Amino acid sequence: QVQLVESGGGLVQAGGSLRLSCTASRRTFSTYVMGWFRQAPGKEREFVAYISRSVGSDYYSDSVKGRFTISRDNAKNTVYLQMNSLKPEDTAVYYCASGRFIRTTQRDYDYWGQGTQVTVSS
């Protein structure tokens, strides 16, 4: 069992930045692929980014590419999502998730955090 706890959400104006954090309870954090997903009101949850077990391989959805950066610190069991140039359409609940494979689909992630709200005002 892995517990994931997100933090760092909040209210920000368009064009601003936020950094989300997600800390895992398990010591084997470094063996998991970590992903970020988001769910906007009235919409299905969608993939945002993932990062492989070892630092260096990451992937982003087209909607955030060039604005968001995913990173991880295996010594701290933590994955981050740096979000720059935020837009009102980035408003959503953001979830981190852990999985065994590099995938963009939700079903391939085994453990999920409770989510953190990000609201971008225009």
C-alpha atoms as a PDB file:
ATOM      1  CA  GLN A   1       0.000   0.000   0.000  1.00  0.00           C
ATOM      2  CA  VAL A   2       1.226   3.463  -0.898  1.00  0.00           C
ATOM      3  CA  GLN A   3      -0.236   6.644   0.525  1.00  0.00           C
ATOM      4  CA  LEU A   4       0.138   9.789  -1.529  1.00  0.00           C
ATOM      5  CA  VAL A   5      -0.482  13.241  -0.125  1.00  0.00           C
ATOM      6  CA  GLU A   6      -0.648  16.281  -2.379  1.00  0.00           C
ATOM      7  CA  SER A   7      -0.130  19.872  -1.322  1.00  0.00           C
ATOM      8  CA  GLY A   8       0.511  23.271  -2.840  1.00  0.00           C
ATOM      9  CA  GLY A   9      -2.800  24.009  -4.494  1.00  0.00           C
ATOM     10  CA  GLY A  10      -4.539  27.340  -4.174  1.00  0.00           C
ATOM     11  CA  LEU A  11      -5.902  30.387  -5.926  1.00  0.00           C
ATOM     12  CA  VAL A  12      -3.703  32.237  -8.406  1.00  0.00           C
ATOM     13  CA  GLN A  13      -4.227  34.829 -11.103  1.00  0.00           C
ATOM     14  CA  ALA A  14      -3.809  33.979 -14.754  1.00  0.00           C
ATOM     15  CA  GLY A  15      -0.160  34.107 -15.724  1.00  0.00           C
ATOM     16  CA  GLY A  16       0.953  33.137 -12.244  1.00  0.00           C
ATOM     17  CA  SER A  17       2.710  30.043 -10.959  1.00  0.00           C
ATOM     18  CA  LEU A  18       2.173  27.295  -8.429  1.00  0.00           C
ATOM     19  CA  ARG A  19       4.192  24.281  -7.392  1.00  0.00           C
ATOM     20  CA  LEU A  20       2.388  21.148  -6.338  1.00  0.00           C
ATOM     21  CA  SER A  21       4.032  18.500  -4.200  1.00  0.00           C
ATOM     22  CA  CYS A  22       3.109  14.897  -3.644  1.00  0.00           C
ATOM     23  CA  THR A  23       4.801  12.868  -0.927  1.00  0.00           C
ATOM     24  CA  ALA A  24       4.625   9.094  -0.800  1.00  0.00           C
ATOM     25  CA  SER A  25       4.621   6.987   2.325  1.00  0.00           C
ATOM     26  CA  ARG A  26       6.546   4.092   0.889  1.00  0.00           C
ATOM     27  CA  ARG A  27      10.302   3.728   0.973  1.00  0.00           C
ATOM     28  CA  THR A  28      10.257   2.134  -2.490  1.00  0.00           C
ATOM     29  CA  PHE A  29       9.091   5.416  -4.018  1.00  0.00           C
ATOM     30  CA  SER A  30      12.000   5.368  -6.453  1.00  0.00           C
ATOM     31  CA  THR A  31      10.675   2.195  -8.064  1.00  0.00           C
ATOM     32  CA  TYR A  32       7.406   3.825  -9.153  1.00  0.00           C
ATOM     33  CA  VAL A  33       6.498   5.889 -12.145  1.00  0.00           C
ATOM     34  CA  MET A  34       4.766   9.024 -10.900  1.00  0.00           C
ATOM     35  CA  GLY A  35       2.035  10.873 -12.715  1.00  0.00           C
ATOM     36  CA  TRP A  36      -0.137  13.932 -12.356  1.00  0.00           C
ATOM     37  CA  PHE A  37      -3.740  14.035 -13.502  1.00  0.00           C
ATOM     38  CA  ARG A  38      -6.438  16.673 -13.170  1.00  0.00           C
ATOM     39  CA  GLN A  39     -10.201  16.897 -13.179  1.00  0.00           C
ATOM     40  CA  ALA A  40     -12.029  20.085 -14.019  1.00  0.00           C
ATOM     41  CA  PRO A  41     -15.654  20.634 -12.974  1.00  0.00           C
ATOM     42  CA  GLY A  42     -17.992  18.651 -15.181  1.00  0.00           C
ATOM     43  CA  LYS A  43     -15.155  16.949 -17.033  1.00  0.00           C
ATOM     44  CA  GLU A  44     -13.428  13.618 -16.859  1.00  0.00           C
ATOM     45  CA  ARG A  45     -10.067  13.264 -15.191  1.00  0.00           C
ATOM     46  CA  GLU A  46      -7.230  13.714 -17.670  1.00  0.00           C
ATOM     47  CA  PHE A  47      -3.532  13.026 -17.861  1.00  0.00           C
ATOM     48  CA  VAL A  48      -1.143  15.918 -17.232  1.00  0.00           C
ATOM     49  CA  ALA A  49       2.401  14.536 -16.931  1.00  0.00           C
ATOM     50  CA  TYR A  50       4.488  11.593 -15.824  1.00  0.00           C
ATOM     51  CA  ILE A  51       8.073  11.025 -14.812  1.00  0.00           C
ATOM     52  CA  SER A  52       9.953   7.770 -14.953  1.00  0.00           C
ATOM     53  CA  ARG A  53      11.604   6.034 -12.036  1.00  0.00           C
ATOM     54  CA  SER A  54      14.988   7.511 -12.689  1.00  0.00           C
ATOM     55  CA  VAL A  55      15.162  11.228 -13.307  1.00  0.00           C
ATOM     56  CA  GLY A  56      15.343  12.128 -16.941  1.00  0.00           C
ATOM     57  CA  SER A  57      12.315  10.783 -18.739  1.00  0.00           C
ATOM     58  CA  ASP A  58       9.150  12.836 -18.584  1.00  0.00           C
ATOM     59  CA  TYR A  59       6.124  13.401 -20.761  1.00  0.00           C
ATOM     60  CA  TYR A  60       3.362  15.992 -20.898  1.00  0.00           C
ATOM     61  CA  SER A  61      -0.058  16.475 -22.348  1.00  0.00           C
ATOM     62  CA  ASP A  62      -0.199  18.959 -25.198  1.00  0.00           C
ATOM     63  CA  SER A  63      -2.272  21.340 -23.092  1.00  0.00           C
ATOM     64  CA  VAL A  64       0.512  21.875 -20.534  1.00  0.00           C
ATOM     65  CA  LYS A  65       3.670  21.224 -22.528  1.00  0.00           C
ATOM     66  CA  GLY A  66       6.096  24.093 -22.207  1.00  0.00           C
ATOM     67  CA  ARG A  67       4.333  25.506 -19.134  1.00  0.00           C
ATOM     68  CA  PHE A  68       4.451  22.671 -16.594  1.00  0.00           C
ATOM     69  CA  THR A  69       7.461  20.717 -15.372  1.00  0.00           C
ATOM     70  CA  ILE A  70       7.363  17.470 -13.450  1.00  0.00           C
ATOM     71  CA  SER A  71      10.290  16.480 -11.275  1.00  0.00           C
ATOM     72  CA  ARG A  72      11.031  14.109  -8.430  1.00  0.00           C
ATOM     73  CA  ASP A  73      13.294  13.840  -5.431  1.00  0.00           C
ATOM     74  CA  ASN A  74      13.619  10.187  -4.572  1.00  0.00           C
ATOM     75  CA  ALA A  75      15.475  10.956  -1.351  1.00  0.00           C
ATOM     76  CA  LYS A  76      12.386  12.830  -0.145  1.00  0.00           C
ATOM     77  CA  ASN A  77       9.809  10.450  -1.668  1.00  0.00           C
ATOM     78  CA  THR A  78       8.321  13.469  -3.378  1.00  0.00           C
ATOM     79  CA  VAL A  79       7.201  14.381  -6.877  1.00  0.00           C
ATOM     80  CA  TYR A  80       6.578  17.966  -7.928  1.00  0.00           C
ATOM     81  CA  LEU A  81       4.593  19.752 -10.585  1.00  0.00           C
ATOM     82  CA  GLN A  82       5.807  23.243 -11.343  1.00  0.00           C
ATOM     83  CA  MET A  83       3.047  25.123 -13.126  1.00  0.00           C
ATOM     84  CA  ASN A  84       3.882  28.379 -14.868  1.00  0.00           C
ATOM     85  CA  SER A  85       1.871  30.718 -17.093  1.00  0.00           C
ATOM     86  CA  LEU A  86      -1.320  29.376 -15.590  1.00  0.00           C
ATOM     87  CA  LYS A  87      -4.569  29.825 -17.461  1.00  0.00           C
ATOM     88  CA  PRO A  88      -8.171  29.760 -16.216  1.00  0.00           C
ATOM     89  CA  GLU A  89      -8.620  26.471 -18.087  1.00  0.00           C
ATOM     90  CA  ASP A  90      -6.003  24.917 -15.793  1.00  0.00           C
ATOM     91  CA  THR A  91      -8.528  25.168 -12.949  1.00  0.00           C
ATOM     92  CA  ALA A  92      -9.070  21.646 -11.638  1.00  0.00           C
ATOM     93  CA  VAL A  93      -8.416  19.234  -8.831  1.00  0.00           C
ATOM     94  CA  TYR A  94      -4.934  17.862  -9.354  1.00  0.00           C
ATOM     95  CA  TYR A  95      -4.089  14.291  -8.388  1.00  0.00           C
ATOM     96  CA  CYS A  96      -0.788  12.507  -8.172  1.00  0.00           C
ATOM     97  CA  ALA A  97      -0.608   8.800  -8.816  1.00  0.00           C
ATOM     98  CA  SER A  98       1.957   6.030  -8.786  1.00  0.00           C
ATOM     99  CA  GLY A  99       2.289   3.137 -11.172  1.00  0.00           C
ATOM    100  CA  ARG A 100       4.635   0.505 -12.458  1.00  0.00           C
ATOM    101  CA  PHE A 101       4.705   1.456 -16.131  1.00  0.00           C
ATOM    102  CA  ILE A 102       5.164   4.596 -18.183  1.00  0.00           C
ATOM    103  CA  ARG A 103       1.584   5.261 -19.242  1.00  0.00           C
ATOM    104  CA  THR A 104      -0.848   8.132 -19.716  1.00  0.00           C
ATOM    105  CA  THR A 105      -3.983   6.154 -18.881  1.00  0.00           C
ATOM    106  CA  GLN A 106      -5.523   6.226 -15.424  1.00  0.00           C
ATOM    107  CA  ARG A 107      -6.064   2.493 -15.189  1.00  0.00           C
ATOM    108  CA  ASP A 108      -2.308   1.921 -15.267  1.00  0.00           C
ATOM    109  CA  TYR A 109      -1.800   3.804 -12.013  1.00  0.00           C
ATOM    110  CA  ASP A 110      -2.317   1.837  -8.832  1.00  0.00           C
ATOM    111  CA  TYR A 111      -2.340   4.439  -6.065  1.00  0.00           C
ATOM    112  CA  TRP A 112      -3.828   7.920  -5.945  1.00  0.00           C
ATOM    113  CA  GLY A 113      -3.698  10.929  -3.702  1.00  0.00           C
ATOM    114  CA  GLN A 114      -6.765  12.758  -2.464  1.00  0.00           C
ATOM    115  CA  GLY A 115      -6.251  15.704  -4.791  1.00  0.00           C
ATOM    116  CA  THR A 116      -5.497  19.384  -4.355  1.00  0.00           C
ATOM    117  CA  GLN A 117      -7.555  22.224  -5.793  1.00  0.00           C
ATOM    118  CA  VAL A 118      -5.977  24.677  -8.212  1.00  0.00           C
ATOM    119  CA  THR A 119      -8.055  27.694  -9.183  1.00  0.00           C
ATOM    120  CA  VAL A 120      -6.837  30.194 -11.762  1.00  0.00           C
ATOM    121  CA  SER A 121      -8.725  33.464 -11.940  1.00  0.00           C
ATOM    122  CA  SER A 122      -8.881  35.560 -15.081  1.00  0.00           C
END
